[in-house]
Amino acid sequence: MILNLCFNLGIFPRRWKIAKVILIPKDGKDSSNYRSYRPICLLLLWGKLLDKLVTRRLVDYLEEKELLSEFQFGFRKGRSTTTGLRNIIDFIKLSKSQKKVSCLISLDIQNAFNSVSWGQIKQLLSQFKVPPKIGKLIDNFLQDRSVLLENGKNWEYNMGVPQGSSCGPMLWLLVINGVFNMRNIENDAYIQAYADDIVVKLRSTASYHFTNMSKPIMKNLEEWASSYKLSFSKEKTKYLMFKFRKKITHFPSIHLYGSRISHDKELKYLGIRLDPNLSFIPHLNKVQTNICKIYEKTRRIAKATWDLRPEIVKEIYS
């Protein structure tokens, strides 16, 4: 009754919008730097329930009306990391079959989820013609939000996708959906995203073509980011090329904010390290140590006559 009343009145109770923050330190980082911590926001159960209900309705509407790009992966049913990676690999393999060089440009958005204006999110809800009841509730959801700090004080904020919420990632998808409507894009040039990880895919008969092919795309991405007061990290934005026969000797000039981005011998995307030969050997070399540790731990507990039952060991192994 209470949740139905919230929907009918378009009210998200203020008490349910207070998040308790737990700071998780990142491995190997300077503990005196605030960037060395990953904040986890804990929300009240009733708020999570209402949040989940409105998110489900928003997702159903967006998917039913096909308002989100097919090149947007993440936070969507049937579009997981595996699907996103498969899309990348199929693109590279098709390029090779066509005897073309392919290029991946990986862009990193700085502090993406915390920098978006609530006013712009509300404009997007109107632009996507989200049903009034859902729009009104989300509008109220984006008001009077606060964080409970460790010293017991409340810190109010008025921008960014609310951390810890179910609705937050879907609201981000509305924002990033604009990158797929770029103009002046040539053939054999595509943009793909997984949440806030953007990848530009290019293919051509020669690597020097990528200089001109990338110019309008990078300019459009810069303009999109600027319109939402976001920015890309120059240091973390890199590109990698995949050969089809000969070794690549020419490395194109691809620029971001007027600076040439660096070429890398490996590119990590969605947890997988890609290499110019698409052999996955560098990736296997990186995870080998972890695999050996897991195997050794499993071996120690997988005794024939004592300790864990076989079905439990099988579950751990899987």
Protein backbone atom coordinates (compact mmCIF):
# COMPACT_ATOMS: atom_id res chain seq x y z
CA MET A 1 0.00 0.00 0.00
CA ILE A 2 2.81 2.38 0.91
CA LEU A 3 4.75 1.67 -2.33
CA ASN A 4 1.62 2.07 -4.48
CA LEU A 5 0.92 5.37 -2.72
CA CYS A 6 4.47 6.54 -3.54
CA PHE A 7 3.83 5.76 -7.21
CA ASN A 8 0.43 7.49 -7.28
CA LEU A 9 1.70 10.64 -5.57
CA GLY A 10 5.13 10.65 -7.23
CA ILE A 11 6.90 10.83 -3.88
CA PHE A 12 10.14 9.09 -2.89
CA PRO A 13 10.35 9.51 0.93
CA ARG A 14 13.32 11.61 1.99
CA ARG A 15 14.36 9.17 4.75
CA TRP A 16 14.87 6.48 2.09
CA LYS A 17 17.29 8.71 0.17
CA ILE A 18 19.95 8.83 2.89
CA ALA A 19 22.96 6.65 2.04
CA LYS A 20 25.51 5.36 4.51
CA VAL A 21 28.99 5.41 2.98
CA ILE A 22 31.56 2.69 3.58
CA LEU A 23 35.06 3.34 2.20
CA ILE A 24 36.88 0.34 0.73
CA PRO A 25 40.66 0.94 0.25
CA LYS A 26 42.08 0.03 -3.15
CA ASP A 27 45.04 -2.38 -3.14
CA GLY A 28 48.47 -0.78 -3.40
CA LYS A 29 47.18 2.81 -3.29
CA ASP A 30 48.28 5.74 -1.12
CA SER A 31 45.96 5.73 1.91
CA SER A 32 46.30 9.51 2.32
CA ASN A 33 44.76 10.15 -1.12
CA TYR A 34 40.95 10.19 -1.25
CA ARG A 35 41.09 8.63 -4.74
CA SER A 36 42.57 5.51 -3.13
CA TYR A 37 39.18 4.50 -1.74
CA ARG A 38 36.13 3.00 -3.39
CA PRO A 39 32.94 4.30 -1.73
CA ILE A 40 30.07 1.84 -1.23
CA CYS A 41 26.69 3.44 -0.51
CA LEU A 42 24.26 1.47 1.66
CA LEU A 43 20.58 2.41 1.36
CA LEU A 44 17.54 1.48 3.43
CA LEU A 45 15.68 -1.63 2.32
CA TRP A 46 12.35 0.16 1.71
CA GLY A 47 14.11 2.67 -0.50
CA LYS A 48 15.82 -0.13 -2.42
CA LEU A 49 12.44 -1.81 -3.01
CA LEU A 50 10.81 1.32 -4.42
CA ASP A 51 13.98 2.09 -6.38
CA LYS A 52 13.92 -1.42 -7.91
CA LEU A 53 10.25 -1.13 -8.85
CA VAL A 54 10.65 2.19 -10.66
CA THR A 55 13.83 0.93 -12.35
CA ARG A 56 11.99 -2.13 -13.68
CA ARG A 57 9.29 0.10 -15.16
CA LEU A 58 11.84 2.45 -16.71
CA VAL A 59 13.81 -0.46 -18.22
CA ASP A 60 10.66 -2.04 -19.68
CA TYR A 61 9.66 1.27 -21.27
CA LEU A 62 13.10 1.99 -22.79
CA GLU A 63 13.54 -1.54 -24.15
CA GLU A 64 9.98 -1.85 -25.43
CA LYS A 65 10.29 1.44 -27.34
CA GLU A 66 13.85 0.52 -28.49
CA LEU A 67 15.17 3.89 -27.30
CA LEU A 68 18.63 2.63 -26.33
CA SER A 69 21.33 1.92 -28.92
CA GLU A 70 22.18 -1.66 -29.86
CA PHE A 71 25.83 -0.72 -29.25
CA GLN A 72 25.19 0.05 -25.57
CA PHE A 73 26.13 -2.90 -23.37
CA GLY A 74 25.93 -3.13 -19.59
CA PHE A 75 22.95 -2.86 -17.21
CA ARG A 76 20.81 -4.47 -19.93
CA LYS A 77 19.35 -7.94 -20.26
CA GLY A 78 21.24 -10.04 -22.79
CA ARG A 79 23.99 -7.42 -23.19
CA SER A 80 26.68 -8.44 -20.73
CA THR A 81 30.48 -8.10 -20.75
CA THR A 82 30.61 -11.34 -22.75
CA THR A 83 28.32 -9.86 -25.42
CA GLY A 84 30.34 -6.65 -25.56
CA LEU A 85 33.62 -8.53 -25.92
CA ARG A 86 32.16 -10.83 -28.57
CA ASN A 87 31.10 -7.76 -30.55
CA ILE A 88 34.68 -6.42 -30.43
CA ILE A 89 36.25 -9.76 -31.43
CA ASP A 90 33.79 -10.27 -34.30
CA PHE A 91 34.63 -6.78 -35.58
CA ILE A 92 38.38 -7.55 -35.58
CA LYS A 93 37.93 -10.97 -37.20
CA LEU A 94 35.70 -9.51 -39.92
CA SER A 95 38.35 -6.84 -40.59
CA LYS A 96 40.97 -9.54 -41.02
CA SER A 97 38.77 -11.51 -43.40
CA GLN A 98 38.39 -8.33 -45.47
CA LYS A 99 42.19 -7.84 -45.38
CA LYS A 100 41.87 -4.62 -43.40
CA VAL A 101 43.65 -3.20 -40.38
CA SER A 102 41.40 -2.51 -37.38
CA CYS A 103 41.87 -0.02 -34.56
CA LEU A 104 40.32 0.25 -31.10
CA ILE A 105 40.37 3.56 -29.23
CA SER A 106 39.53 3.15 -25.55
CA LEU A 107 38.33 6.31 -23.80
CA ASP A 108 38.06 6.85 -20.06
CA ILE A 109 35.53 9.34 -18.65
CA GLN A 110 36.76 11.03 -15.49
CA ASN A 111 34.44 10.59 -12.51
CA ALA A 112 31.54 9.89 -14.88
CA PHE A 113 28.80 8.78 -12.49
CA ASN A 114 29.35 11.64 -10.02
CA SER A 115 29.44 14.56 -12.46
CA VAL A 116 26.12 14.49 -14.32
CA SER A 117 23.65 17.31 -13.66
CA TRP A 118 20.26 16.25 -12.28
CA GLY A 119 18.63 18.97 -14.36
CA GLN A 120 20.01 17.39 -17.55
CA ILE A 121 18.82 13.93 -16.47
CA LYS A 122 15.30 15.32 -15.99
CA GLN A 123 15.48 16.90 -19.45
CA LEU A 124 16.43 13.52 -20.91
CA LEU A 125 13.46 11.86 -19.20
CA SER A 126 11.25 14.40 -20.93
CA GLN A 127 13.11 13.97 -24.22
CA PHE A 128 12.62 10.17 -24.08
CA LYS A 129 8.92 10.78 -23.27
CA VAL A 130 9.05 8.64 -20.14
CA PRO A 131 5.51 8.02 -18.77
CA PRO A 132 4.43 10.82 -16.35
CA LYS A 133 4.13 8.60 -13.24
CA ILE A 134 7.64 7.21 -13.69
CA GLY A 135 9.07 10.62 -14.59
CA LYS A 136 7.47 12.32 -11.58
CA LEU A 137 8.75 9.66 -9.16
CA ILE A 138 12.30 9.81 -10.60
CA ASP A 139 12.16 13.61 -10.42
CA ASN A 140 11.40 13.32 -6.70
CA PHE A 141 14.02 10.54 -6.40
CA LEU A 142 16.61 13.14 -7.55
CA GLN A 143 15.80 15.62 -4.77
CA ASP A 144 17.04 16.06 -1.21
CA ARG A 145 19.54 13.21 -1.39
CA SER A 146 22.22 12.98 1.27
CA VAL A 147 25.07 10.85 2.55
CA LEU A 148 25.56 9.85 6.19
CA LEU A 149 29.23 10.37 7.02
CA GLU A 150 31.27 8.41 9.57
CA ASN A 151 31.11 11.31 12.04
CA GLY A 152 27.30 11.12 12.04
CA LYS A 153 26.73 14.24 9.94
CA ASN A 154 24.63 14.38 6.77
CA TRP A 155 26.20 15.70 3.55
CA GLU A 156 23.68 16.79 0.94
CA TYR A 157 24.48 16.60 -2.77
CA ASN A 158 22.63 17.67 -5.92
CA MET A 159 24.45 16.11 -8.86
CA GLY A 160 25.68 12.76 -10.13
CA VAL A 161 23.98 9.40 -10.53
CA PRO A 162 22.94 8.27 -7.00
CA GLN A 163 25.44 5.62 -5.94
CA GLY A 164 24.09 2.34 -4.61
CA SER A 165 20.75 2.73 -6.37
CA SER A 166 19.23 0.48 -9.04
CA CYS A 167 17.89 3.45 -10.99
CA GLY A 168 21.27 5.23 -11.15
CA PRO A 169 22.86 3.05 -13.88
CA MET A 170 19.75 3.34 -16.06
CA LEU A 171 19.80 7.12 -15.76
CA TRP A 172 23.44 7.02 -16.89
CA LEU A 173 22.41 5.03 -19.97
CA LEU A 174 20.13 7.92 -20.96
CA VAL A 175 23.11 10.27 -20.76
CA ILE A 176 25.61 8.14 -22.69
CA ASN A 177 23.06 7.21 -25.34
CA GLY A 178 23.90 10.52 -27.03
CA VAL A 179 27.32 9.28 -28.15
CA PHE A 180 25.68 6.89 -30.62
CA ASN A 181 23.96 9.70 -32.52
CA MET A 182 27.19 11.19 -33.84
CA ARG A 183 27.24 12.98 -37.17
CA ASN A 184 29.91 12.97 -39.90
CA ILE A 185 30.88 9.36 -39.15
CA GLU A 186 32.40 7.47 -42.08
CA ASN A 187 31.70 3.87 -42.98
CA ASP A 188 33.73 1.27 -41.07
CA ALA A 189 33.67 3.49 -37.97
CA TYR A 190 31.57 2.52 -34.94
CA ILE A 191 31.15 3.48 -31.30
CA GLN A 192 30.45 0.95 -28.56
CA ALA A 193 29.99 1.45 -24.83
CA TYR A 194 29.71 -0.66 -21.72
CA ALA A 195 28.35 1.60 -18.96
CA ASP A 196 30.92 4.45 -19.03
CA ASP A 197 33.63 2.57 -21.00
CA ILE A 198 33.58 3.92 -24.56
CA VAL A 199 35.40 2.23 -27.44
CA VAL A 200 35.74 3.57 -30.98
CA LYS A 201 36.12 0.82 -33.60
CA LEU A 202 37.78 1.65 -36.93
CA ARG A 203 38.79 -0.46 -39.92
CA SER A 204 40.60 0.45 -43.13
CA THR A 205 42.99 -0.86 -45.77
CA ALA A 206 45.89 1.12 -44.27
CA SER A 207 46.64 2.36 -40.76
CA TYR A 208 47.39 5.95 -41.83
CA HIS A 209 43.69 6.36 -42.74
CA PHE A 210 42.82 6.29 -39.03
CA THR A 211 44.18 9.83 -38.56
CA ASN A 212 41.42 11.40 -40.66
CA MET A 213 38.77 8.83 -39.75
CA SER A 214 39.16 9.55 -36.04
CA LYS A 215 39.02 13.38 -36.25
CA PRO A 216 35.22 13.91 -36.50
CA ILE A 217 34.54 11.13 -33.99
CA MET A 218 36.89 12.49 -31.34
CA LYS A 219 35.57 16.01 -31.89
CA ASN A 220 31.97 14.84 -31.48
CA LEU A 221 32.87 12.91 -28.32
CA GLU A 222 34.55 16.00 -26.87
CA GLU A 223 31.45 18.09 -27.63
CA TRP A 224 29.16 15.46 -26.06
CA ALA A 225 31.28 15.31 -22.90
CA SER A 226 31.40 19.11 -22.68
CA SER A 227 27.59 19.35 -22.97
CA TYR A 228 27.29 17.27 -19.76
CA LYS A 229 30.31 18.91 -18.08
CA LEU A 230 32.23 15.65 -18.35
CA SER A 231 35.79 15.14 -19.55
CA PHE A 232 37.94 12.31 -20.87
CA SER A 233 41.24 11.37 -19.27
CA LYS A 234 44.13 12.01 -21.69
CA GLU A 235 46.42 9.66 -19.77
CA LYS A 236 44.02 6.70 -19.77
CA THR A 237 42.79 7.10 -23.36
CA LYS A 238 44.81 4.77 -25.61
CA TYR A 239 44.51 2.93 -28.90
CA LEU A 240 45.56 -0.45 -30.23
CA MET A 241 45.73 -1.73 -33.81
CA PHE A 242 45.21 -5.27 -35.06
CA LYS A 243 47.10 -6.48 -38.11
CA PHE A 244 45.71 -8.84 -40.73
CA ARG A 245 48.99 -9.93 -42.32
CA LYS A 246 52.03 -7.65 -42.22
CA LYS A 247 53.50 -6.10 -39.13
CA ILE A 248 52.16 -2.58 -38.48
CA THR A 249 54.87 0.02 -38.96
CA HIS A 250 52.84 3.24 -39.23
CA PHE A 251 51.09 4.59 -36.15
CA PRO A 252 48.45 7.25 -36.89
CA SER A 253 48.06 10.57 -35.07
CA ILE A 254 44.85 10.34 -33.06
CA HIS A 255 44.14 13.39 -30.92
CA LEU A 256 42.06 14.14 -27.84
CA TYR A 257 41.75 17.76 -26.65
CA GLY A 258 44.53 18.68 -29.06
CA SER A 259 47.00 16.15 -27.62
CA ARG A 260 48.09 12.99 -29.38
CA ILE A 261 46.96 9.88 -27.54
CA SER A 262 49.42 7.05 -27.09
CA HIS A 263 49.50 3.72 -28.87
CA ASP A 264 49.71 0.65 -26.66
CA LYS A 265 50.87 -2.92 -27.28
CA GLU A 266 48.02 -4.23 -25.15
CA LEU A 267 44.56 -2.89 -24.37
CA LYS A 268 42.53 -3.99 -21.37
CA TYR A 269 38.80 -3.93 -22.05
CA LEU A 270 36.14 -5.38 -19.74
CA GLY A 271 38.77 -7.37 -17.85
CA ILE A 272 40.38 -8.94 -20.94
CA ARG A 273 43.77 -7.94 -22.35
CA LEU A 274 43.70 -7.67 -26.13
CA ASP A 275 46.88 -7.87 -28.25
CA PRO A 276 47.60 -7.06 -31.94
CA ASN A 277 47.46 -10.76 -32.90
CA LEU A 278 44.29 -11.41 -30.89
CA SER A 279 46.10 -14.41 -29.37
CA PHE A 280 45.08 -13.69 -25.73
CA ILE A 281 48.53 -14.88 -24.64
CA PRO A 282 49.30 -11.61 -22.74
CA HIS A 283 45.98 -12.00 -20.92
CA LEU A 284 46.74 -15.58 -19.93
CA ASN A 285 50.20 -14.58 -18.74
CA LYS A 286 48.66 -11.91 -16.48
CA VAL A 287 46.09 -14.22 -14.89
CA GLN A 288 48.42 -17.22 -14.60
CA THR A 289 49.56 -16.31 -11.09
CA ASN A 290 46.00 -15.95 -9.83
CA ILE A 291 44.96 -19.20 -11.47
CA CYS A 292 47.81 -21.06 -9.75
CA LYS A 293 46.83 -19.61 -6.36
CA ILE A 294 43.20 -20.64 -6.80
CA TYR A 295 44.24 -24.12 -7.95
CA GLU A 296 46.53 -24.57 -4.95
CA LYS A 297 43.81 -23.50 -2.50
CA THR A 298 41.31 -25.85 -4.13
CA ARG A 299 43.84 -28.71 -4.08
CA ARG A 300 44.40 -28.29 -0.34
CA ILE A 301 40.72 -28.67 0.52
CA ALA A 302 39.87 -31.32 -2.11
CA LYS A 303 40.78 -34.38 -0.04
CA ALA A 304 39.26 -37.77 -0.79
CA THR A 305 38.46 -38.78 2.78
CA TRP A 306 37.87 -35.59 4.79
CA ASP A 307 36.73 -31.97 4.89
CA LEU A 308 34.54 -30.59 2.09
CA ARG A 309 32.02 -32.73 0.26
CA PRO A 310 32.68 -33.35 -3.47
CA GLU A 311 29.69 -31.25 -4.59
CA ILE A 312 31.01 -28.24 -2.61
CA VAL A 313 34.48 -28.60 -4.12
CA LYS A 314 32.89 -28.81 -7.57
CA GLU A 315 30.96 -25.60 -6.88
CA ILE A 316 34.16 -23.78 -5.82
CA TYR A 317 35.99 -25.09 -8.89
CA SER A 318 33.17 -23.96 -11.20
